[in-house]
Protein backbone atom coordinates (compact mmCIF):
# COMPACT_ATOMS: atom_id res chain seq x y z
CA MET A 1 -63.03 46.95 21.30
CA LYS A 2 -63.89 44.36 23.89
CA ASN A 3 -64.86 45.39 27.40
CA SER A 4 -61.54 44.12 28.87
CA GLN A 5 -59.60 46.24 26.36
CA TYR A 6 -61.47 49.35 27.55
CA LYS A 7 -60.58 48.56 31.17
CA PHE A 8 -56.91 48.17 30.26
CA LEU A 9 -56.92 51.45 28.34
CA ILE A 10 -58.54 53.29 31.25
CA LEU A 11 -55.96 51.87 33.69
CA VAL A 12 -53.07 52.90 31.45
CA LEU A 13 -54.43 56.42 30.92
CA PHE A 14 -55.15 57.03 34.58
CA ALA A 15 -52.27 55.07 36.19
CA PRO A 16 -50.51 58.23 37.48
CA LEU A 17 -53.71 59.21 39.30
CA LEU A 18 -53.89 55.78 40.98
CA CYS A 19 -50.36 55.93 42.43
CA LYS A 20 -51.41 56.63 45.97
CA CYS A 21 -50.32 54.53 48.92
CA GLN A 22 -52.37 53.59 51.93
CA ILE A 23 -50.69 51.93 54.85
CA GLU A 24 -52.91 50.54 57.57
CA ASN A 25 -52.26 48.83 60.85
CA LYS A 26 -54.37 48.38 63.98
CA GLU A 27 -53.68 51.91 65.20
CA THR A 28 -53.43 54.16 62.16
CA THR A 29 -53.99 54.70 58.47
CA LEU A 30 -51.48 56.67 56.45
CA ASN A 31 -52.26 58.03 53.01
CA PHE A 32 -49.64 59.61 50.77
CA SER A 33 -48.72 59.90 47.12
CA ILE A 34 -45.58 59.74 45.04
CA GLY A 35 -44.14 63.26 45.08
CA ASP A 36 -45.40 64.13 48.58
CA THR A 37 -42.90 65.71 50.98
CA VAL A 38 -41.33 64.07 54.02
CA LEU A 39 -40.28 66.52 56.74
CA PHE A 40 -37.57 65.33 59.15
CA GLU A 41 -38.64 66.25 62.68
CA PRO A 42 -36.15 66.84 65.51
CA CYS A 43 -33.92 63.82 65.93
CA SER A 44 -34.83 61.32 68.65
CA GLY A 45 -31.35 59.74 68.77
CA LYS A 46 -28.12 61.33 69.96
CA GLU A 47 -26.36 61.42 66.59
CA SER A 48 -28.75 59.87 64.10
CA TYR A 49 -32.33 58.93 63.41
CA GLN A 50 -33.33 55.47 64.60
CA PHE A 51 -35.53 54.40 61.68
CA ILE A 52 -34.12 56.28 58.67
CA ASP A 53 -31.09 55.35 56.57
CA LEU A 54 -29.26 57.55 54.07
CA TYR A 55 -27.88 56.02 50.87
CA THR A 56 -25.59 57.79 48.41
CA LYS A 57 -24.95 56.31 44.97
CA THR A 58 -21.15 56.42 44.58
CA ARG A 59 -20.74 54.55 41.30
CA ILE A 60 -23.25 54.24 38.49
CA ILE A 61 -23.11 51.37 36.05
CA ASP A 62 -24.38 52.18 32.57
CA THR A 63 -27.48 50.06 32.46
CA SER A 64 -30.77 49.85 30.68
CA LEU A 65 -32.63 49.88 34.00
CA TRP A 66 -34.97 52.83 34.48
CA TYR A 67 -37.76 53.90 36.75
CA ASN A 68 -41.06 55.60 36.20
CA GLU A 69 -40.93 58.98 37.96
CA GLU A 70 -44.72 59.21 38.16
CA THR A 71 -45.25 55.85 39.86
CA GLY A 72 -41.85 54.95 41.35
CA GLU A 73 -41.96 51.60 39.53
CA GLY A 74 -38.46 50.20 38.98
CA PHE A 75 -36.71 52.63 41.34
CA TYR A 76 -35.51 50.04 43.85
CA SER A 77 -33.86 47.91 41.15
CA MET A 78 -32.34 50.89 39.38
CA PHE A 79 -30.87 52.50 42.52
CA PHE A 80 -30.07 49.64 44.88
CA LEU A 81 -29.17 46.71 42.62
CA THR A 82 -26.63 48.37 40.31
CA GLY A 83 -23.39 50.25 41.02
CA ASP A 84 -22.09 51.06 44.49
CA LEU A 85 -23.70 52.69 47.52
CA ASP A 86 -22.62 54.22 50.79
CA GLY A 87 -25.18 53.71 53.53
CA LYS A 88 -25.54 54.97 57.10
CA ARG A 89 -28.18 56.10 59.56
CA LEU A 90 -29.49 59.57 58.71
CA PRO A 91 -27.52 62.10 60.81
CA CYS A 92 -29.40 64.44 63.13
CA ASN A 93 -28.25 67.49 61.16
CA PHE A 94 -30.98 66.63 58.60
CA GLN A 95 -33.72 67.77 61.00
CA LYS A 96 -36.09 70.34 59.49
CA LEU A 97 -34.98 69.33 55.96
CA THR A 98 -37.28 67.62 53.48
CA ALA A 99 -37.27 64.76 50.98
CA THR A 100 -39.59 63.86 48.09
CA ILE A 101 -41.31 60.45 48.11
CA ILE A 102 -40.27 58.23 45.20
CA THR A 103 -41.99 54.97 46.10
CA ALA A 104 -43.18 52.74 48.95
CA MET A 105 -42.90 48.99 49.31
CA GLN A 106 -43.22 46.13 51.75
CA VAL A 107 -40.07 44.27 52.75
CA LYS A 108 -39.37 41.41 55.17
CA ASP A 109 -37.80 42.44 58.45
CA LYS A 110 -34.53 40.51 58.79
CA ASN A 111 -35.05 39.87 62.51
CA THR A 112 -38.78 39.28 62.87
CA LYS A 113 -39.47 37.93 59.35
CA THR A 114 -42.65 40.06 59.28
CA ASP A 115 -43.58 42.49 56.52
CA LYS A 116 -42.86 46.17 57.09
CA TRP A 117 -43.47 49.25 54.96
CA VAL A 118 -40.60 51.40 53.78
CA VAL A 119 -40.70 54.69 51.91
CA LEU A 120 -37.87 55.71 49.59
CA ALA A 121 -37.42 59.45 49.09
CA TRP A 122 -34.95 61.75 47.35
CA VAL A 123 -32.99 63.96 49.74
CA ASN A 124 -30.89 65.33 46.88
CA LYS A 125 -31.50 63.91 43.42
CA LYS A 126 -28.52 65.70 41.86
CA GLU A 127 -26.16 64.15 44.43
CA ARG A 128 -28.02 60.79 44.17
CA ARG A 129 -28.95 60.70 47.88
CA VAL A 130 -31.96 58.67 49.00
CA VAL A 131 -33.47 57.94 52.39
CA TRP A 132 -34.92 54.55 53.34
CA ILE A 133 -37.62 55.20 55.95
CA GLU A 134 -39.18 52.47 58.07
CA VAL A 135 -42.32 54.53 57.84
CA GLU A 136 -44.49 53.09 60.59
CA LYS A 137 -41.71 53.15 63.19
CA ALA A 138 -40.40 56.55 62.10
CA LEU A 139 -43.89 58.08 62.32
CA HIS A 140 -44.55 56.48 65.71
CA ALA A 141 -41.19 57.81 67.02
CA GLY A 142 -41.97 61.29 65.70
CA GLU A 143 -38.98 61.29 63.33
CA VAL A 144 -40.94 62.28 60.22
CA ARG A 145 -44.09 64.01 59.09
CA ILE A 146 -45.62 63.66 55.63
CA LYS A 147 -47.01 66.72 53.87
CA HIS A 148 -49.35 66.34 50.89
């Protein structure tokens, strides 16, 4: 085997171990992995969290789309781009509950056109409920804590 083939083989074999995220800005560095737990802290809003949305899949279209549960790859397309969803701000009655991190990604902010990090996490996989967390803002506001 050529040297480049060895490198590819090593990456494929150890890909699940490399699925760690590191988010950095001027003030903080955040490290977490797929499968880590998000704890919802006491709500800072009156009725809902300011930087966390709750999505429930209400209709599933039979599709060949899938996602890799070890890396989160393909989750966004599978969950958000097929079928129907109900979405709303996460209600305050979720405080002290937890969610499991599925994936993280950078998206463009609609207003500022700057990149921002979001974390997607299962609140209830059986009921197909996912939270979309603007992670930097939610952490700064004290809305979430991440447990490894």
